[in-house]
All heavy atoms as atom14 arrays in JSON, in Angstrom:
{
  "sequence": "PTTSVGFSASPFSSGQVGEGLSDSRSQLRTELPVTSPVLPVTQTTVLL",
  "atom14_mask": [
    [1, 1, 1, 1, 1, 1, 1, 0, 0, 0, 0, 0, 0, 0],
    [1, 1, 1, 1, 1, 1, 1, 0, 0, 0, 0, 0, 0, 0],
    [1, 1, 1, 1, 1, 1, 1, 0, 0, 0, 0, 0, 0, 0],
    [1, 1, 1, 1, 1, 1, 0, 0, 0, 0, 0, 0, 0, 0],
    [1, 1, 1, 1, 1, 1, 1, 0, 0, 0, 0, 0, 0, 0],
    [1, 1, 1, 1, 0, 0, 0, 0, 0, 0, 0, 0, 0, 0],
    [1, 1, 1, 1, 1, 1, 1, 1, 1, 1, 1, 0, 0, 0],
    [1, 1, 1, 1, 1, 1, 0, 0, 0, 0, 0, 0, 0, 0],
    [1, 1, 1, 1, 1, 0, 0, 0, 0, 0, 0, 0, 0, 0],
    [1, 1, 1, 1, 1, 1, 0, 0, 0, 0, 0, 0, 0, 0],
    [1, 1, 1, 1, 1, 1, 1, 0, 0, 0, 0, 0, 0, 0],
    [1, 1, 1, 1, 1, 1, 1, 1, 1, 1, 1, 0, 0, 0],
    [1, 1, 1, 1, 1, 1, 0, 0, 0, 0, 0, 0, 0, 0],
    [1, 1, 1, 1, 1, 1, 0, 0, 0, 0, 0, 0, 0, 0],
    [1, 1, 1, 1, 0, 0, 0, 0, 0, 0, 0, 0, 0, 0],
    [1, 1, 1, 1, 1, 1, 1, 1, 1, 0, 0, 0, 0, 0],
    [1, 1, 1, 1, 1, 1, 1, 0, 0, 0, 0, 0, 0, 0],
    [1, 1, 1, 1, 0, 0, 0, 0, 0, 0, 0, 0, 0, 0],
    [1, 1, 1, 1, 1, 1, 1, 1, 1, 0, 0, 0, 0, 0],
    [1, 1, 1, 1, 0, 0, 0, 0, 0, 0, 0, 0, 0, 0],
    [1, 1, 1, 1, 1, 1, 1, 1, 0, 0, 0, 0, 0, 0],
    [1, 1, 1, 1, 1, 1, 0, 0, 0, 0, 0, 0, 0, 0],
    [1, 1, 1, 1, 1, 1, 1, 1, 0, 0, 0, 0, 0, 0],
    [1, 1, 1, 1, 1, 1, 0, 0, 0, 0, 0, 0, 0, 0],
    [1, 1, 1, 1, 1, 1, 1, 1, 1, 1, 1, 0, 0, 0],
    [1, 1, 1, 1, 1, 1, 0, 0, 0, 0, 0, 0, 0, 0],
    [1, 1, 1, 1, 1, 1, 1, 1, 1, 0, 0, 0, 0, 0],
    [1, 1, 1, 1, 1, 1, 1, 1, 0, 0, 0, 0, 0, 0],
    [1, 1, 1, 1, 1, 1, 1, 1, 1, 1, 1, 0, 0, 0],
    [1, 1, 1, 1, 1, 1, 1, 0, 0, 0, 0, 0, 0, 0],
    [1, 1, 1, 1, 1, 1, 1, 1, 1, 0, 0, 0, 0, 0],
    [1, 1, 1, 1, 1, 1, 1, 1, 0, 0, 0, 0, 0, 0],
    [1, 1, 1, 1, 1, 1, 1, 0, 0, 0, 0, 0, 0, 0],
    [1, 1, 1, 1, 1, 1, 1, 0, 0, 0, 0, 0, 0, 0],
    [1, 1, 1, 1, 1, 1, 1, 0, 0, 0, 0, 0, 0, 0],
    [1, 1, 1, 1, 1, 1, 0, 0, 0, 0, 0, 0, 0, 0],
    [1, 1, 1, 1, 1, 1, 1, 0, 0, 0, 0, 0, 0, 0],
    [1, 1, 1, 1, 1, 1, 1, 0, 0, 0, 0, 0, 0, 0],
    [1, 1, 1, 1, 1, 1, 1, 1, 0, 0, 0, 0, 0, 0],
    [1, 1, 1, 1, 1, 1, 1, 0, 0, 0, 0, 0, 0, 0],
    [1, 1, 1, 1, 1, 1, 1, 0, 0, 0, 0, 0, 0, 0],
    [1, 1, 1, 1, 1, 1, 1, 0, 0, 0, 0, 0, 0, 0],
    [1, 1, 1, 1, 1, 1, 1, 1, 1, 0, 0, 0, 0, 0],
    [1, 1, 1, 1, 1, 1, 1, 0, 0, 0, 0, 0, 0, 0],
    [1, 1, 1, 1, 1, 1, 1, 0, 0, 0, 0, 0, 0, 0],
    [1, 1, 1, 1, 1, 1, 1, 0, 0, 0, 0, 0, 0, 0],
    [1, 1, 1, 1, 1, 1, 1, 1, 0, 0, 0, 0, 0, 0],
    [1, 1, 1, 1, 1, 1, 1, 1, 0, 0, 0, 0, 0, 0]
  ],
  "atom14_positions": [
    [[9.76, -47.01, -2.46], [8.44, -46.45, -2.29], [8.38, -45.37, -1.27], [9.24, -45.36, -0.38], [7.59, -47.68, -1.84], [8.52, -48.58, -1.16], [9.86, -48.4, -1.92], [0.0, 0.0, 0.0], [0.0, 0.0, 0.0], [0.0, 0.0, 0.0], [0.0, 0.0, 0.0], [0.0, 0.0, 0.0], [0.0, 0.0, 0.0], [0.0, 0.0, 0.0]],
    [[7.41, -44.55, -1.43], [7.24, -43.45, -0.5], [6.77, -43.94, 0.85], [5.79, -44.7, 0.94], [6.26, -42.42, -1.06], [6.59, -42.0, -2.3], [6.11, -41.21, -0.06], [0.0, 0.0, 0.0], [0.0, 0.0, 0.0], [0.0, 0.0, 0.0], [0.0, 0.0, 0.0], [0.0, 0.0, 0.0], [0.0, 0.0, 0.0], [0.0, 0.0, 0.0]],
    [[7.45, -43.51, 1.85], [7.14, -44.01, 3.23], [5.99, -43.17, 3.74], [6.0, -41.98, 3.7], [8.37, -43.87, 4.14], [9.44, -44.57, 3.54], [8.03, -44.45, 5.49], [0.0, 0.0, 0.0], [0.0, 0.0, 0.0], [0.0, 0.0, 0.0], [0.0, 0.0, 0.0], [0.0, 0.0, 0.0], [0.0, 0.0, 0.0], [0.0, 0.0, 0.0]],
    [[4.96, -43.9, 4.34], [3.89, -43.24, 4.95], [4.21, -42.91, 6.38], [4.8, -43.76, 7.09], [2.62, -44.05, 4.88], [2.84, -45.22, 5.56], [0.0, 0.0, 0.0], [0.0, 0.0, 0.0], [0.0, 0.0, 0.0], [0.0, 0.0, 0.0], [0.0, 0.0, 0.0], [0.0, 0.0, 0.0], [0.0, 0.0, 0.0], [0.0, 0.0, 0.0]],
    [[3.96, -41.73, 6.74], [4.32, -41.28, 8.07], [3.07, -41.14, 8.92], [2.12, -40.48, 8.52], [5.05, -39.95, 8.07], [5.42, -39.46, 9.44], [6.26, -40.03, 7.14], [0.0, 0.0, 0.0], [0.0, 0.0, 0.0], [0.0, 0.0, 0.0], [0.0, 0.0, 0.0], [0.0, 0.0, 0.0], [0.0, 0.0, 0.0], [0.0, 0.0, 0.0]],
    [[3.1, -41.81, 10.09], [1.97, -41.68, 11.01], [2.21, -40.61, 12.02], [3.35, -40.25, 12.32], [0.0, 0.0, 0.0], [0.0, 0.0, 0.0], [0.0, 0.0, 0.0], [0.0, 0.0, 0.0], [0.0, 0.0, 0.0], [0.0, 0.0, 0.0], [0.0, 0.0, 0.0], [0.0, 0.0, 0.0], [0.0, 0.0, 0.0], [0.0, 0.0, 0.0]],
    [[1.15, -40.0, 12.47], [1.23, -38.88, 13.39], [0.75, -39.39, 14.77], [-0.36, -39.87, 14.89], [0.33, -37.71, 12.98], [0.79, -37.08, 11.74], [0.39, -37.58, 10.48], [1.67, -36.01, 11.72], [0.82, -36.95, 9.27], [2.07, -35.44, 10.63], [1.68, -35.92, 9.31], [0.0, 0.0, 0.0], [0.0, 0.0, 0.0], [0.0, 0.0, 0.0]],
    [[1.64, -39.16, 15.72], [1.31, -39.59, 17.11], [0.78, -38.42, 17.86], [0.99, -37.28, 17.47], [2.54, -40.17, 17.89], [3.58, -39.12, 17.81], [0.0, 0.0, 0.0], [0.0, 0.0, 0.0], [0.0, 0.0, 0.0], [0.0, 0.0, 0.0], [0.0, 0.0, 0.0], [0.0, 0.0, 0.0], [0.0, 0.0, 0.0], [0.0, 0.0, 0.0]],
    [[0.06, -38.71, 18.92], [-0.46, -37.66, 19.73], [0.58, -36.75, 20.31], [1.59, -37.31, 20.87], [-1.37, -38.25, 20.79], [0.0, 0.0, 0.0], [0.0, 0.0, 0.0], [0.0, 0.0, 0.0], [0.0, 0.0, 0.0], [0.0, 0.0, 0.0], [0.0, 0.0, 0.0], [0.0, 0.0, 0.0], [0.0, 0.0, 0.0], [0.0, 0.0, 0.0]],
    [[0.47, -35.52, 20.17], [1.57, -34.62, 20.69], [0.9, -33.58, 21.57], [-0.2, -33.09, 21.27], [2.26, -33.96, 19.49], [3.12, -32.94, 19.95], [0.0, 0.0, 0.0], [0.0, 0.0, 0.0], [0.0, 0.0, 0.0], [0.0, 0.0, 0.0], [0.0, 0.0, 0.0], [0.0, 0.0, 0.0], [0.0, 0.0, 0.0], [0.0, 0.0, 0.0]],
    [[1.57, -33.26, 22.67], [0.96, -32.31, 23.54], [1.28, -30.93, 23.17], [1.09, -29.96, 23.94], [1.61, -32.68, 24.92], [2.96, -33.2, 24.55], [2.73, -33.95, 23.22], [0.0, 0.0, 0.0], [0.0, 0.0, 0.0], [0.0, 0.0, 0.0], [0.0, 0.0, 0.0], [0.0, 0.0, 0.0], [0.0, 0.0, 0.0], [0.0, 0.0, 0.0]],
    [[1.78, -30.66, 21.89], [2.19, -29.26, 21.5], [1.38, -28.84, 20.33], [0.95, -29.63, 19.46], [3.69, -29.19, 21.17], [4.52, -29.92, 22.25], [5.16, -31.13, 21.9], [4.64, -29.43, 23.45], [5.85, -31.75, 22.79], [5.42, -30.12, 24.38], [6.05, -31.23, 24.07], [0.0, 0.0, 0.0], [0.0, 0.0, 0.0], [0.0, 0.0, 0.0]],
    [[1.22, -27.51, 20.22], [0.56, -26.97, 19.06], [1.52, -26.9, 17.89], [2.74, -26.99, 18.04], [0.08, -25.58, 19.44], [1.2, -24.79, 19.72], [0.0, 0.0, 0.0], [0.0, 0.0, 0.0], [0.0, 0.0, 0.0], [0.0, 0.0, 0.0], [0.0, 0.0, 0.0], [0.0, 0.0, 0.0], [0.0, 0.0, 0.0], [0.0, 0.0, 0.0]],
    [[0.96, -26.73, 16.63], [1.75, -26.69, 15.43], [2.67, -25.53, 15.44], [3.84, -25.58, 14.9], [0.75, -26.66, 14.27], [-0.01, -25.47, 14.31], [0.0, 0.0, 0.0], [0.0, 0.0, 0.0], [0.0, 0.0, 0.0], [0.0, 0.0, 0.0], [0.0, 0.0, 0.0], [0.0, 0.0, 0.0], [0.0, 0.0, 0.0], [0.0, 0.0, 0.0]],
    [[2.34, -24.44, 16.08], [3.2, -23.26, 16.14], [4.4, -23.58, 16.93], [5.53, -23.15, 16.55], [0.0, 0.0, 0.0], [0.0, 0.0, 0.0], [0.0, 0.0, 0.0], [0.0, 0.0, 0.0], [0.0, 0.0, 0.0], [0.0, 0.0, 0.0], [0.0, 0.0, 0.0], [0.0, 0.0, 0.0], [0.0, 0.0, 0.0], [0.0, 0.0, 0.0]],
    [[4.24, -24.24, 18.08], [5.44, -24.6, 18.89], [6.34, -25.56, 18.12], [7.56, -25.37, 18.14], [4.96, -25.23, 20.12], [4.18, -24.28, 21.03], [3.63, -24.96, 22.28], [3.41, -26.14, 22.18], [3.44, -24.22, 23.33], [0.0, 0.0, 0.0], [0.0, 0.0, 0.0], [0.0, 0.0, 0.0], [0.0, 0.0, 0.0], [0.0, 0.0, 0.0]],
    [[5.83, -26.54, 17.42], [6.69, -27.41, 16.66], [7.4, -26.7, 15.53], [8.54, -26.98, 15.22], [5.9, -28.62, 16.14], [6.72, -29.57, 15.34], [5.24, -29.38, 17.3], [0.0, 0.0, 0.0], [0.0, 0.0, 0.0], [0.0, 0.0, 0.0], [0.0, 0.0, 0.0], [0.0, 0.0, 0.0], [0.0, 0.0, 0.0], [0.0, 0.0, 0.0]],
    [[6.69, -25.78, 14.93], [7.27, -25.12, 13.79], [8.42, -24.23, 14.24], [9.49, -24.15, 13.57], [0.0, 0.0, 0.0], [0.0, 0.0, 0.0], [0.0, 0.0, 0.0], [0.0, 0.0, 0.0], [0.0, 0.0, 0.0], [0.0, 0.0, 0.0], [0.0, 0.0, 0.0], [0.0, 0.0, 0.0], [0.0, 0.0, 0.0], [0.0, 0.0, 0.0]],
    [[8.31, -23.61, 15.44], [9.48, -22.8, 15.88], [10.67, -23.67, 16.17], [11.8, -23.33, 15.82], [9.01, -22.03, 17.13], [7.94, -21.0, 16.83], [7.46, -20.42, 18.15], [7.97, -20.76, 19.21], [6.56, -19.52, 18.11], [0.0, 0.0, 0.0], [0.0, 0.0, 0.0], [0.0, 0.0, 0.0], [0.0, 0.0, 0.0], [0.0, 0.0, 0.0]],
    [[10.36, -24.86, 16.73], [11.53, -25.76, 16.98], [12.18, -26.21, 15.71], [13.37, -26.36, 15.69], [0.0, 0.0, 0.0], [0.0, 0.0, 0.0], [0.0, 0.0, 0.0], [0.0, 0.0, 0.0], [0.0, 0.0, 0.0], [0.0, 0.0, 0.0], [0.0, 0.0, 0.0], [0.0, 0.0, 0.0], [0.0, 0.0, 0.0], [0.0, 0.0, 0.0]],
    [[11.37, -26.57, 14.74], [11.99, -27.0, 13.45], [12.7, -25.92, 12.79], [13.74, -26.23, 12.14], [10.88, -27.54, 12.58], [10.19, -28.84, 13.08], [9.09, -29.19, 12.06], [11.21, -29.96, 13.22], [0.0, 0.0, 0.0], [0.0, 0.0, 0.0], [0.0, 0.0, 0.0], [0.0, 0.0, 0.0], [0.0, 0.0, 0.0], [0.0, 0.0, 0.0]],
    [[12.3, -24.7, 12.82], [13.01, -23.57, 12.16], [14.34, -23.38, 12.77], [15.39, -23.19, 12.08], [12.23, -22.29, 12.38], [10.94, -22.4, 11.72], [0.0, 0.0, 0.0], [0.0, 0.0, 0.0], [0.0, 0.0, 0.0], [0.0, 0.0, 0.0], [0.0, 0.0, 0.0], [0.0, 0.0, 0.0], [0.0, 0.0, 0.0], [0.0, 0.0, 0.0]],
    [[14.47, -23.55, 14.14], [15.77, -23.45, 14.79], [16.66, -24.6, 14.37], [17.82, -24.41, 14.07], [15.61, -23.49, 16.32], [14.85, -22.22, 16.82], [14.78, -21.26, 16.02], [14.24, -22.33, 17.9], [0.0, 0.0, 0.0], [0.0, 0.0, 0.0], [0.0, 0.0, 0.0], [0.0, 0.0, 0.0], [0.0, 0.0, 0.0], [0.0, 0.0, 0.0]],
    [[16.1, -25.83, 14.22], [16.92, -26.98, 13.79], [17.39, -26.75, 12.39], [18.53, -27.15, 12.04], [16.07, -28.27, 13.91], [15.69, -28.39, 15.23], [0.0, 0.0, 0.0], [0.0, 0.0, 0.0], [0.0, 0.0, 0.0], [0.0, 0.0, 0.0], [0.0, 0.0, 0.0], [0.0, 0.0, 0.0], [0.0, 0.0, 0.0], [0.0, 0.0, 0.0]],
    [[16.51, -26.26, 11.53], [16.92, -26.04, 10.14], [18.0, -25.03, 10.04], [18.95, -25.16, 9.24], [15.72, -25.63, 9.36], [14.72, -26.78, 9.07], [13.42, -26.2, 8.57], [12.47, -27.32, 8.34], [11.21, -27.08, 8.05], [10.72, -25.9, 7.97], [10.42, -28.16, 7.88], [0.0, 0.0, 0.0], [0.0, 0.0, 0.0], [0.0, 0.0, 0.0]],
    [[17.93, -23.98, 10.78], [18.94, -22.92, 10.77], [20.27, -23.49, 11.16], [21.34, -23.18, 10.58], [18.54, -21.76, 11.61], [17.35, -21.21, 11.19], [0.0, 0.0, 0.0], [0.0, 0.0, 0.0], [0.0, 0.0, 0.0], [0.0, 0.0, 0.0], [0.0, 0.0, 0.0], [0.0, 0.0, 0.0], [0.0, 0.0, 0.0], [0.0, 0.0, 0.0]],
    [[20.23, -24.25, 12.31], [21.44, -24.91, 12.78], [22.07, -25.84, 11.71], [23.27, -25.87, 11.48], [21.24, -25.57, 14.06], [22.5, -26.19, 14.7], [22.21, -26.87, 16.01], [21.04, -26.84, 16.37], [23.21, -27.37, 16.66], [0.0, 0.0, 0.0], [0.0, 0.0, 0.0], [0.0, 0.0, 0.0], [0.0, 0.0, 0.0], [0.0, 0.0, 0.0]],
    [[21.19, -26.59, 11.05], [21.67, -27.53, 10.05], [22.29, -26.8, 8.81], [23.27, -27.24, 8.25], [20.53, -28.44, 9.6], [20.83, -29.56, 8.63], [21.9, -30.46, 9.2], [19.57, -30.31, 8.3], [0.0, 0.0, 0.0], [0.0, 0.0, 0.0], [0.0, 0.0, 0.0], [0.0, 0.0, 0.0], [0.0, 0.0, 0.0], [0.0, 0.0, 0.0]],
    [[21.68, -25.67, 8.49], [22.15, -24.91, 7.38], [23.54, -24.4, 7.63], [24.43, -24.35, 6.78], [21.21, -23.79, 7.01], [21.59, -23.06, 5.74], [20.55, -22.05, 5.27], [20.23, -21.11, 6.38], [19.12, -21.08, 7.01], [18.21, -21.95, 6.77], [18.89, -20.11, 7.96], [0.0, 0.0, 0.0], [0.0, 0.0, 0.0], [0.0, 0.0, 0.0]],
    [[23.79, -23.97, 8.82], [25.14, -23.43, 9.15], [26.19, -24.55, 9.24], [27.38, -24.32, 8.98], [25.04, -22.69, 10.47], [24.6, -23.57, 11.51], [24.11, -21.53, 10.36], [0.0, 0.0, 0.0], [0.0, 0.0, 0.0], [0.0, 0.0, 0.0], [0.0, 0.0, 0.0], [0.0, 0.0, 0.0], [0.0, 0.0, 0.0], [0.0, 0.0, 0.0]],
    [[25.73, -25.75, 9.58], [26.71, -26.82, 9.66], [26.99, -27.53, 8.38], [27.96, -28.27, 8.23], [26.16, -27.87, 10.68], [26.13, -27.29, 12.13], [25.63, -28.35, 13.1], [25.24, -29.42, 12.58], [25.53, -28.05, 14.33], [0.0, 0.0, 0.0], [0.0, 0.0, 0.0], [0.0, 0.0, 0.0], [0.0, 0.0, 0.0], [0.0, 0.0, 0.0]],
    [[26.17, -27.33, 7.3], [26.38, -27.95, 6.0], [26.63, -26.93, 4.95], [25.71, -26.37, 4.4], [25.13, -28.81, 5.62], [24.76, -29.95, 6.54], [23.43, -30.63, 6.08], [25.89, -31.0, 6.57], [0.0, 0.0, 0.0], [0.0, 0.0, 0.0], [0.0, 0.0, 0.0], [0.0, 0.0, 0.0], [0.0, 0.0, 0.0], [0.0, 0.0, 0.0]],
    [[27.83, -26.57, 4.7], [28.17, -25.6, 3.72], [27.95, -26.22, 2.3], [27.96, -27.42, 2.12], [29.68, -25.35, 3.86], [30.2, -26.52, 4.56], [29.09, -27.07, 5.35], [0.0, 0.0, 0.0], [0.0, 0.0, 0.0], [0.0, 0.0, 0.0], [0.0, 0.0, 0.0], [0.0, 0.0, 0.0], [0.0, 0.0, 0.0], [0.0, 0.0, 0.0]],
    [[27.71, -25.35, 1.34], [27.36, -25.74, 0.0], [28.52, -26.43, -0.67], [28.42, -27.17, -1.67], [26.85, -24.59, -0.86], [25.61, -24.1, -0.23], [27.85, -23.47, -0.89], [0.0, 0.0, 0.0], [0.0, 0.0, 0.0], [0.0, 0.0, 0.0], [0.0, 0.0, 0.0], [0.0, 0.0, 0.0], [0.0, 0.0, 0.0], [0.0, 0.0, 0.0]],
    [[29.76, -26.17, -0.23], [30.94, -26.69, -0.94], [31.27, -28.04, -0.44], [32.19, -28.67, -0.94], [32.15, -25.79, -0.69], [32.32, -25.67, 0.74], [31.86, -24.4, -1.27], [0.0, 0.0, 0.0], [0.0, 0.0, 0.0], [0.0, 0.0, 0.0], [0.0, 0.0, 0.0], [0.0, 0.0, 0.0], [0.0, 0.0, 0.0], [0.0, 0.0, 0.0]],
    [[30.56, -28.52, 0.56], [30.84, -29.88, 1.11], [30.34, -30.95, 0.19], [29.34, -30.78, -0.43], [30.22, -30.06, 2.48], [28.86, -29.99, 2.4], [0.0, 0.0, 0.0], [0.0, 0.0, 0.0], [0.0, 0.0, 0.0], [0.0, 0.0, 0.0], [0.0, 0.0, 0.0], [0.0, 0.0, 0.0], [0.0, 0.0, 0.0], [0.0, 0.0, 0.0]],
    [[31.08, -32.02, 0.04], [30.68, -33.06, -0.87], [29.43, -33.76, -0.37], [29.24, -33.9, 0.82], [31.88, -34.02, -0.88], [32.59, -33.76, 0.39], [32.35, -32.32, 0.71], [0.0, 0.0, 0.0], [0.0, 0.0, 0.0], [0.0, 0.0, 0.0], [0.0, 0.0, 0.0], [0.0, 0.0, 0.0], [0.0, 0.0, 0.0], [0.0, 0.0, 0.0]],
    [[28.6, -34.23, -1.27], [27.42, -34.91, -0.92], [27.75, -36.41, -0.83], [28.23, -37.0, -1.76], [26.29, -34.79, -2.0], [25.04, -35.59, -1.55], [25.95, -33.28, -2.08], [0.0, 0.0, 0.0], [0.0, 0.0, 0.0], [0.0, 0.0, 0.0], [0.0, 0.0, 0.0], [0.0, 0.0, 0.0], [0.0, 0.0, 0.0], [0.0, 0.0, 0.0]],
    [[27.5, -36.95, 0.37], [27.8, -38.35, 0.58], [26.51, -39.16, 0.54], [25.54, -38.85, 1.21], [28.48, -38.51, 2.01], [29.8, -37.69, 2.12], [30.33, -37.91, 3.53], [30.84, -38.1, 1.13], [0.0, 0.0, 0.0], [0.0, 0.0, 0.0], [0.0, 0.0, 0.0], [0.0, 0.0, 0.0], [0.0, 0.0, 0.0], [0.0, 0.0, 0.0]],
    [[26.56, -40.21, -0.23], [25.36, -41.11, -0.26], [25.17, -41.81, 1.0], [26.17, -42.15, 1.69], [25.66, -42.03, -1.39], [27.14, -42.12, -1.52], [27.67, -40.75, -1.13], [0.0, 0.0, 0.0], [0.0, 0.0, 0.0], [0.0, 0.0, 0.0], [0.0, 0.0, 0.0], [0.0, 0.0, 0.0], [0.0, 0.0, 0.0], [0.0, 0.0, 0.0]],
    [[23.96, -42.04, 1.39], [23.61, -42.72, 2.67], [23.1, -44.11, 2.34], [22.22, -44.24, 1.51], [22.48, -41.98, 3.41], [22.78, -42.02, 4.88], [22.47, -40.56, 3.0], [0.0, 0.0, 0.0], [0.0, 0.0, 0.0], [0.0, 0.0, 0.0], [0.0, 0.0, 0.0], [0.0, 0.0, 0.0], [0.0, 0.0, 0.0], [0.0, 0.0, 0.0]],
    [[23.65, -45.03, 2.97], [23.28, -46.47, 2.75], [22.0, -46.75, 3.55], [21.29, -47.63, 3.2], [24.36, -47.36, 3.15], [24.62, -47.25, 4.5], [25.59, -47.17, 2.32], [0.0, 0.0, 0.0], [0.0, 0.0, 0.0], [0.0, 0.0, 0.0], [0.0, 0.0, 0.0], [0.0, 0.0, 0.0], [0.0, 0.0, 0.0], [0.0, 0.0, 0.0]],
    [[21.69, -46.02, 4.62], [20.51, -46.22, 5.39], [19.98, -44.91, 5.87], [20.77, -44.1, 6.42], [20.77, -47.15, 6.59], [19.39, -47.55, 7.28], [19.72, -48.61, 8.37], [20.86, -49.06, 8.42], [18.73, -48.94, 9.11], [0.0, 0.0, 0.0], [0.0, 0.0, 0.0], [0.0, 0.0, 0.0], [0.0, 0.0, 0.0], [0.0, 0.0, 0.0]],
    [[18.72, -44.64, 5.69], [18.22, -43.28, 5.96], [17.96, -43.14, 7.46], [17.54, -44.06, 8.14], [16.84, -43.11, 5.27], [17.03, -43.35, 3.88], [16.32, -41.72, 5.42], [0.0, 0.0, 0.0], [0.0, 0.0, 0.0], [0.0, 0.0, 0.0], [0.0, 0.0, 0.0], [0.0, 0.0, 0.0], [0.0, 0.0, 0.0], [0.0, 0.0, 0.0]],
    [[18.33, -41.94, 7.95], [18.07, -41.62, 9.4], [16.77, -40.9, 9.42], [16.62, -39.8, 8.74], [19.22, -40.81, 9.95], [20.38, -41.54, 9.94], [18.86, -40.35, 11.38], [0.0, 0.0, 0.0], [0.0, 0.0, 0.0], [0.0, 0.0, 0.0], [0.0, 0.0, 0.0], [0.0, 0.0, 0.0], [0.0, 0.0, 0.0], [0.0, 0.0, 0.0]],
    [[15.82, -41.27, 10.34], [14.57, -40.63, 10.44], [14.4, -40.12, 11.87], [14.67, -40.82, 12.83], [13.36, -41.63, 10.13], [12.06, -40.9, 10.29], [13.58, -42.26, 8.78], [0.0, 0.0, 0.0], [0.0, 0.0, 0.0], [0.0, 0.0, 0.0], [0.0, 0.0, 0.0], [0.0, 0.0, 0.0], [0.0, 0.0, 0.0], [0.0, 0.0, 0.0]],
    [[14.02, -38.84, 11.94], [13.8, -38.2, 13.25], [12.35, -37.95, 13.43], [11.62, -37.48, 12.55], [14.61, -36.88, 13.36], [16.17, -36.95, 13.15], [16.73, -35.57, 13.3], [16.77, -37.9, 14.2], [0.0, 0.0, 0.0], [0.0, 0.0, 0.0], [0.0, 0.0, 0.0], [0.0, 0.0, 0.0], [0.0, 0.0, 0.0], [0.0, 0.0, 0.0]],
    [[11.81, -38.33, 14.65], [10.46, -38.03, 14.99], [10.47, -36.8, 15.91], [10.9, -36.89, 17.09], [9.83, -39.2, 15.68], [8.36, -39.04, 16.18], [7.46, -38.73, 14.95], [7.9, -40.18, 16.95], [0.0, 0.0, 0.0], [0.0, 0.0, 0.0], [0.0, 0.0, 0.0], [0.0, 0.0, 0.0], [0.0, 0.0, 0.0], [0.0, 0.0, 0.0]]
  ]
}
C-alpha cells in the first residue's frame, strides 16, 4: 500500500528545502550511472 507521509513542523521555507533537494539529486545522479545494475531492495530506506 501507498505509505502516507506526515509533515512535521520545519523552520525552513519551501525554497530552501527545494535547493537542498536539488543538490542531493544532482549528487545522486552522478553517483548512479545508467549502466549500473538495478539491485532489488528488501527493505526501503526512507529519508526525512
